[in-house]
């Protein structure tokens, strides 16, 4: 990915998407009785408290070199024991982040579709040739689609692993806890050497583009 206007739009969209992802975890936790995130000052749109040096800066830059972009903010602190019903409520807290991203994707994809209808055709097909408003909407949709689906993967430390734990048989837990400490290494191996990024994101982006241009 070369440095141009769309690169800056992409990373701006990524910052907004990961911050809203994390805030949603804290807001839902607060709704169910845990004010840990609120007391930690994490229910804010100010990006500084959410920045994780690796996940918010280094990882997005490295992944962009591979043709896709992922990242994460500093996880919002949640204390399950403070939730009204820890097992049930923590499931909703875990789902809140991906659900927020998929909701934002739906809204921005629909808006991009409507804007596309007013664009003169044919164009070259390159994103850079489309109006700036369309590019912002499309890239915001693409980022949120990628983050929403990516975070549903059942690999620690992604939200999907916390969701998976809620339904896991008790007999699996000892082995799962041993596996969990290596989750981030397995995730990176799958993304950067196993081709998971291309296999996961390319079909999603293709389907998104087909919808927007339909």
Foldseek 3Di string as FASTA:
>chain_A
DDDDPLVVLLLVLQLQLQLQLQLQLQVLLVVQFWNQLVVVVSNDSPSVVFADPCQSPVQQVVLVVVVDGGGHTRHRDHDLVRGPHSLVSVLVSLLRRLVVLQVLLVVLLVVLLVVLVVDDDDDPPDLVPDDPSSSSSLSSNLSSVVLSVVLLPCFPPRSVVVNVVSVDDPVCVVVVVVRNVCRVVVVCCCVPPVVCVCVPRVVVSVVSVVSSND
